Amino acid sequence: MNATNWTRLACLCGMLWSCMAVAQDVTREADTLEVLVLLPFCVDADTMDNGAFPPKVVRLREIALEHLHGFELAAQQLAEAGMDIRLTVKDEMPDSAGRQRVTNLDIARTDMVFGPLMREQVGRVAPRVDRFGREHILLTEQPSRLVDRGPGLRQAVPSEVSMARRLAEEVVARHDTDRVVLVVTQGPDLALEEAFMETFDALQRDKWMTPLDSMRYALLDTVHGTTKSIGALPQWISPYDRNIVVSVAGRSARSMWAALWTEVQMNDTSECFIFGHPEVADMPFLEGPLMEQWRLTLAQSGEVRWEDEDVAPWVQAFWAQSGTDPSKYATLAHDALLDAAIRRFPALRWAVQPLAEPMVWTQLDSAGAWHNDTWAFRFFRDWQWMPLDSAAALEPFVAHPFYDPEGLLIPIPPDALIRHPELVGVEPFIEVEKEDE
């Protein structure tokens, strides 16, 4: 064997030894969960003239820190359950030269990537994550072009479109013969409004067995308003029906919600129930007695299970770590990491505790991304939010005529007489005082 062949053999042995060393290293760390987290810390942000940071930068850092506290608590919980976990945290914002801080090597070494939170940064990182075949978990709602990239992606923030469809199912199940109206704002939540209308009408049509059923199980009524007004809603509310008022617009329609609240309060002769977006619960003008009177029902997700004794120690641990209760961002980050670990190691299911309800995943199609569909519906009663399933069944609505202070019958609208024929022929009634004997 000549010198050249010996050289080639030595090179082959060296390469084989390197492969064996890498294999041994992979085997040694096979049980270690490598997690890459990308959050907007804005390390290179510039200050303003007064030396302070812009409000947007301050808020982004607060949100990033809340997420980080949630990841840290989850990592602590997994470590105590016996799992080796390595948490790598990077700033998702580019450096002062415009370069991304996360490298291809960072992605190649990890098992899963959480974030980024900002849409423009997701667009930059997503192709690289897909190229390495790593699981990608988004913590903010993103457009479909960034989400529909296959089953390797999961959108951990609950889908609001799914919320609108689930809300329509609840309204149809409980108020299919009542008057239901949707206040359409045609603003940023237009997709939610369209999803609600489509689902409601489809479910109502499924109940039509005869032509007359189209009168009993009517399609959805809509009132066209804006993010600042309720349109013609006052003319729609009737004292001769149980009125179900729905709006799936969130914080972008605070002015509309304030006007709706005022109108329903002024219409005290009508029975009204209100269904709304989860963000309505945080609006400051809500009043407890009125919320209970109108049985305000909201879709909620990611709520900490305060009453669960198994969750209490971890809430206390979070308080000791950050000095506050878990926010919605911390809760989402914590539960998303636990969920990802449990899917890889199912035995952890009995060793760790999510702060909120366990995540439920759905796919729009068999080859599409996974969406968090964890929604619960609660109504306000006894100064607290109660599960909607615990509400007592409503009695059938009974219409009755109205009289003025002099005892004269107030004219009943023709459309009310059609819906309530028992009111036909009602005579005015005047109470006559008896003469003294």
Foldseek 3Di string as FASTA:
>chain_A
DDPVVVVVVVVVVVVVVVVVVVVVVCVVCVQEAEEEEEAAQPPAADPDPVRHGDPVNVVSNVLRVLLVLLQVLLCVLVVVLPGHYDYHYDYLAAHPVRDGPDDLVSLLPHQEYEDDADAVSLVVCVVSNVVNPHQYEYAYDYDPVSFWPWASYEDLPFDLLLVLLVVLVVCCVAPQQFAEEEQDAPPPCNSSVVSNQVNNQVVLVVPDPDPCSCNRRPGYHYAYDHLQARHPVLVVFDLQTEYEYEYADAPSSLNHVVRVLVSVVVPVSHHYAYEYEPRVVVRPVDDQVVLASNQYKYKDPLDFPCVDPVLVVSQVVSCVVPVDGNDSSSLSSNLVVVLVVCVVPVVCPVSGDRRTDHWDWDAPDPTTYIHTNDIFMWTRDPNDTDGPVPDDRDDDDDGDFDADPQQATDDDDPVSCVVPVVCPPDHGDGDDDDDDD
